[in-house]
Amino acid sequence: LTADSVTAVLISPDDTPTPEPDSYGDIAAQGGTGASGDIAARQPAIISRAGWGADESIRCRNATYDNSLAAAVVHHTAGSNDYSREGSAGVVRGIYTYHARNLGWCDVGYNVLVDKYGQAFEGRHGGLNRNVQGAHAGGFNGNTWGISMMGDYSTVVPPDATVRKMGEIIGWRLSVAGVDPKGSDTHYSEGTSYTRYPAGAAVRLPNIFAHRDVGNTSCPGNAGYAKMGQIRDIAAAYARSGGGTPAPTNP
């Protein structure tokens, strides 16, 4: 499955409310053992696919798993910022339908989505702590993990709750993979028309990079991109603390 630089169009949410995080038992909040053998940070609350009402009949294939995970990629959905806390689950369902059916990606392109209230939603099927290959950064989908802010952050500054949750989730996920949130690595482009790097090109990238760093896109928007340093700081602090202490919110 290949992905392009289209990040999403937010469909108007329906009337089904977003469940409160403590109202069902399928939000994971446990730690685990990272790829390096160290104890991974505690997983932040993430609303499961069942929790936000994913219709699994829409999904047209099972997950593809990479042999490792090397980096997290930050996105924005580039759609409306005008949605309520209760409507967020409906927005995610709309994105799911658009990605799976309209774009032909068979599933949500991102592994996780975070709304403007700091609620996180499981995206692509296959397991949050497994190396599920997404459809979010064409040319660099392999061995990366995509997480998206729900909204358009071209000029609107992402809320602190969103930035914090993005950093915490990335810090947790990279700790599971044994990857340093402040480190960097060499990636090899898979090509496609969605990246400026030809197939086989070696690209040195931070372990937390933005979609625009590799794709023919402005994603995650100028205001979103300005928060990359803060997201890395929060991710690193969260991974170091094991998720047991608050991460900083200041840049």
Protein backbone atom coordinates (compact mmCIF):
# COMPACT_ATOMS: atom_id res chain seq x y z
CA LEU A 1 0.00 0.00 0.00
CA THR A 2 1.41 3.36 -0.99
CA ALA A 3 0.33 6.69 0.43
CA ASP A 4 0.38 10.16 -0.99
CA SER A 5 0.84 13.61 0.44
CA VAL A 6 -2.90 14.14 0.91
CA THR A 7 -3.26 14.06 4.66
CA ALA A 8 -7.06 14.02 5.01
CA VAL A 9 -10.24 15.92 4.71
CA LEU A 10 -12.22 16.13 7.93
CA ILE A 11 -15.73 14.90 7.32
CA SER A 12 -18.47 16.49 9.44
CA PRO A 13 -18.90 14.40 12.58
CA ASP A 14 -22.10 12.53 13.26
CA ASP A 15 -23.98 12.66 16.55
CA THR A 16 -22.37 9.68 18.27
CA PRO A 17 -20.48 11.03 21.29
CA THR A 18 -16.86 10.35 22.04
CA PRO A 19 -16.68 7.97 25.01
CA GLU A 20 -14.99 9.27 28.12
CA PRO A 21 -11.55 7.64 28.54
CA ASP A 22 -12.53 5.84 31.74
CA SER A 23 -15.86 4.57 30.44
CA TYR A 24 -14.58 1.45 28.77
CA GLY A 25 -11.78 -0.98 29.41
CA ASP A 26 -10.07 -1.00 26.04
CA ILE A 27 -7.93 2.09 26.56
CA ALA A 28 -4.45 0.76 27.24
CA ALA A 29 -2.40 2.47 29.92
CA GLN A 30 0.23 -0.09 30.68
CA GLY A 31 3.92 -0.13 30.07
CA GLY A 32 5.94 -2.90 28.49
CA THR A 33 9.40 -3.93 27.46
CA GLY A 34 11.05 -1.86 24.75
CA ALA A 35 12.98 -3.26 21.81
CA SER A 36 16.24 -2.52 23.60
CA GLY A 37 15.17 -4.63 26.57
CA ASP A 38 14.55 -1.61 28.79
CA ILE A 39 11.18 -1.04 30.40
CA ALA A 40 9.10 1.09 28.05
CA ALA A 41 7.31 4.20 29.26
CA ARG A 42 3.71 3.89 30.37
CA GLN A 43 1.28 4.17 27.46
CA PRO A 44 -0.87 7.30 27.56
CA ALA A 45 -4.63 6.85 27.23
CA ILE A 46 -5.60 6.14 23.63
CA ILE A 47 -9.19 5.49 22.59
CA SER A 48 -9.32 2.17 20.76
CA ARG A 49 -10.90 1.55 17.37
CA ALA A 50 -13.81 -0.14 19.12
CA GLY A 51 -14.05 2.85 21.44
CA TRP A 52 -14.50 5.37 18.61
CA GLY A 53 -16.78 3.06 16.65
CA ALA A 54 -14.66 1.81 13.74
CA ASP A 55 -16.68 -0.20 11.26
CA GLU A 56 -14.21 -3.00 10.55
CA SER A 57 -16.13 -4.03 7.43
CA ILE A 58 -14.74 -0.91 5.72
CA ARG A 59 -11.18 -2.13 6.18
CA CYS A 60 -10.14 -4.08 3.08
CA ARG A 61 -6.87 -5.69 4.22
CA ASN A 62 -4.98 -6.80 7.30
CA ALA A 63 -2.04 -4.92 8.73
CA THR A 64 1.43 -4.96 7.21
CA TYR A 65 4.19 -5.21 9.82
CA ASP A 66 7.70 -3.82 9.50
CA ASN A 67 10.65 -5.58 11.12
CA SER A 68 11.51 -2.49 13.15
CA LEU A 69 10.43 1.06 13.89
CA ALA A 70 12.93 3.88 13.48
CA ALA A 71 10.99 7.17 13.63
CA ALA A 72 7.70 8.93 14.29
CA VAL A 73 6.23 11.27 11.67
CA VAL A 74 4.13 14.27 12.71
CA HIS A 75 1.12 15.32 10.60
CA HIS A 76 -2.00 17.44 10.69
CA THR A 77 -5.20 16.33 9.01
CA ALA A 78 -5.54 19.70 7.22
CA GLY A 79 -9.30 19.78 7.80
CA SER A 80 -11.64 21.82 9.94
CA ASN A 81 -10.69 22.93 13.45
CA ASP A 82 -14.37 23.46 14.26
CA TYR A 83 -15.45 20.32 16.08
CA SER A 84 -16.57 19.58 19.62
CA ARG A 85 -14.98 17.22 22.11
CA GLU A 86 -18.02 14.97 21.78
CA GLY A 87 -17.82 15.11 17.98
CA SER A 88 -14.20 14.02 17.70
CA ALA A 89 -15.02 10.32 17.37
CA GLY A 90 -17.29 11.13 14.45
CA VAL A 91 -14.49 13.10 12.81
CA VAL A 92 -12.22 10.08 13.13
CA ARG A 93 -14.89 7.87 11.58
CA GLY A 94 -15.13 10.32 8.68
CA ILE A 95 -11.35 10.25 8.18
CA TYR A 96 -11.44 6.44 8.29
CA THR A 97 -14.08 6.31 5.54
CA TYR A 98 -12.23 8.87 3.42
CA HIS A 99 -8.85 7.14 3.71
CA ALA A 100 -10.19 3.60 3.30
CA ARG A 101 -12.73 4.16 0.54
CA ASN A 102 -12.10 7.47 -1.21
CA LEU A 103 -8.30 7.28 -1.24
CA GLY A 104 -8.18 3.48 -1.46
CA TRP A 105 -5.82 3.02 1.49
CA CYS A 106 -8.05 0.30 3.02
CA ASP A 107 -7.75 1.83 6.50
CA VAL A 108 -6.83 4.99 8.39
CA GLY A 109 -3.48 6.21 7.11
CA TYR A 110 -2.17 7.30 10.53
CA ASN A 111 -1.37 5.05 13.46
CA VAL A 112 -2.80 7.56 15.96
CA LEU A 113 -4.78 10.81 15.78
CA VAL A 114 -4.94 13.50 18.48
CA ASP A 115 -7.75 16.04 18.68
CA LYS A 116 -7.60 19.67 19.84
CA TYR A 117 -8.74 18.62 23.32
CA GLY A 118 -5.86 16.20 23.82
CA GLN A 119 -7.92 13.06 23.18
CA ALA A 120 -6.03 10.38 21.27
CA PHE A 121 -7.55 7.79 18.94
CA GLU A 122 -6.11 4.55 17.62
CA GLY A 123 -5.85 4.83 13.86
CA ARG A 124 -4.57 2.02 11.69
CA HIS A 125 -5.56 -1.51 12.64
CA GLY A 126 -2.96 -3.97 13.85
CA GLY A 127 -1.81 -3.05 17.36
CA LEU A 128 -0.60 0.20 18.88
CA ASN A 129 2.66 -1.28 20.16
CA ARG A 130 3.42 -3.25 17.00
CA ASN A 131 5.29 -2.00 13.93
CA VAL A 132 2.21 -1.45 11.79
CA GLN A 133 3.10 0.23 8.51
CA GLY A 134 0.82 3.16 7.83
CA ALA A 135 -0.12 5.11 4.71
CA HIS A 136 0.92 8.56 5.80
CA ALA A 137 4.27 9.58 4.28
CA GLY A 138 4.64 8.25 0.75
CA GLY A 139 8.22 7.14 0.14
CA PHE A 140 8.92 6.85 3.87
CA ASN A 141 6.12 4.64 5.19
CA GLY A 142 8.44 1.74 5.95
CA ASN A 143 9.71 1.57 9.54
CA THR A 144 7.98 4.82 10.51
CA TRP A 145 4.93 5.54 12.65
CA GLY A 146 2.46 8.29 11.79
CA ILE A 147 0.62 10.49 14.29
CA SER A 148 -1.62 13.36 13.27
CA MET A 149 -3.09 16.44 14.90
CA MET A 150 -6.76 16.73 13.98
CA GLY A 151 -7.25 20.12 12.32
CA ASP A 152 -5.49 22.64 10.11
CA TYR A 153 -2.40 24.10 11.74
CA SER A 154 -1.14 26.14 8.83
CA THR A 155 -1.72 29.37 10.75
CA VAL A 156 -3.64 28.28 13.85
CA VAL A 157 -1.32 27.33 16.72
CA PRO A 158 -1.97 23.78 17.99
CA PRO A 159 -3.47 23.79 21.49
CA ASP A 160 -1.16 22.95 24.40
CA ALA A 161 -3.28 19.86 25.14
CA THR A 162 -2.66 18.58 21.61
CA VAL A 163 1.07 19.26 21.65
CA ARG A 164 1.48 17.63 25.05
CA LYS A 165 -0.45 14.50 24.05
CA MET A 166 1.44 14.24 20.77
CA GLY A 167 4.76 14.37 22.63
CA GLU A 168 3.69 11.90 25.30
CA ILE A 169 2.40 9.34 22.82
CA ILE A 170 5.48 9.63 20.62
CA GLY A 171 7.72 9.35 23.69
CA TRP A 172 5.91 6.18 24.71
CA ARG A 173 5.94 4.64 21.22
CA LEU A 174 9.61 5.33 20.60
CA SER A 175 10.49 3.94 24.03
CA VAL A 176 8.71 0.70 23.07
CA ALA A 177 10.90 0.60 19.94
CA GLY A 178 14.08 1.49 21.84
CA VAL A 179 14.49 4.70 19.82
CA ASP A 180 15.88 7.96 21.24
CA PRO A 181 13.35 10.79 20.70
CA LYS A 182 16.20 13.28 20.37
CA GLY A 183 18.31 11.11 18.05
CA SER A 184 18.50 10.79 14.27
CA ASP A 185 18.91 8.02 11.73
CA THR A 186 19.40 7.42 8.03
CA HIS A 187 16.33 6.45 6.02
CA TYR A 188 16.27 5.24 2.43
CA SER A 189 13.55 6.60 0.21
CA GLU A 190 11.07 4.20 -1.33
CA GLY A 191 10.50 6.71 -4.11
CA THR A 192 6.97 7.43 -5.44
CA SER A 193 5.67 10.78 -6.65
CA TYR A 194 4.83 11.85 -3.12
CA THR A 195 8.40 12.55 -2.02
CA ARG A 196 11.15 14.71 -3.46
CA TYR A 197 13.71 12.00 -2.74
CA PRO A 198 14.27 9.40 -5.47
CA ALA A 199 14.14 5.72 -4.65
CA GLY A 200 17.21 4.60 -2.75
CA ALA A 201 18.28 8.09 -1.66
CA ALA A 202 19.80 8.14 1.83
CA VAL A 203 18.22 10.84 4.00
CA ARG A 204 19.38 11.69 7.51
CA LEU A 205 16.32 12.57 9.60
CA PRO A 206 15.49 13.24 13.23
CA ASN A 207 13.79 10.32 14.97
CA ILE A 208 10.76 12.61 15.24
CA PHE A 209 10.31 14.39 11.92
CA ALA A 210 7.49 16.15 10.11
CA HIS A 211 5.73 15.00 6.97
CA ARG A 212 7.07 18.03 5.07
CA ASP A 213 10.63 16.92 5.81
CA VAL A 214 10.20 14.14 3.26
CA GLY A 215 6.96 14.79 1.36
CA ASN A 216 5.73 17.21 -1.28
CA THR A 217 3.47 18.88 1.27
CA SER A 218 3.34 21.66 3.87
CA CYS A 219 2.05 19.21 6.49
CA PRO A 220 1.81 19.69 9.50
CA GLY A 221 1.34 23.35 8.59
CA ASN A 222 3.63 26.24 9.50
CA ALA A 223 2.16 26.66 12.98
CA GLY A 224 2.29 22.92 13.56
CA TYR A 225 5.84 22.67 12.28
CA ALA A 226 6.90 25.39 14.70
CA LYS A 227 5.96 23.01 17.53
CA MET A 228 8.30 20.20 16.43
CA GLY A 229 11.01 21.14 18.94
CA GLN A 230 8.50 21.21 21.79
CA ILE A 231 7.06 17.86 20.73
CA ARG A 232 10.56 16.34 20.76
CA ASP A 233 11.25 17.81 24.20
CA ILE A 234 8.03 16.40 25.64
CA ALA A 235 8.64 13.02 24.01
CA ALA A 236 12.15 12.79 25.42
CA ALA A 237 11.02 13.85 28.92
CA TYR A 238 8.13 11.37 28.85
CA ALA A 239 10.36 8.51 27.74
CA ARG A 240 12.97 9.33 30.40
CA SER A 241 10.38 9.54 33.16
CA GLY A 242 8.69 6.31 32.17
CA GLY A 243 5.44 8.23 31.85
CA GLY A 244 5.16 8.61 35.59
CA THR A 245 5.75 12.36 35.85
CA PRO A 246 4.33 15.27 33.88
CA ALA A 247 6.23 16.33 30.78
CA PRO A 248 7.13 20.01 30.27
CA THR A 249 4.89 22.13 28.09
CA ASN A 250 7.15 25.09 27.46
CA PRO A 251 9.31 25.14 24.29
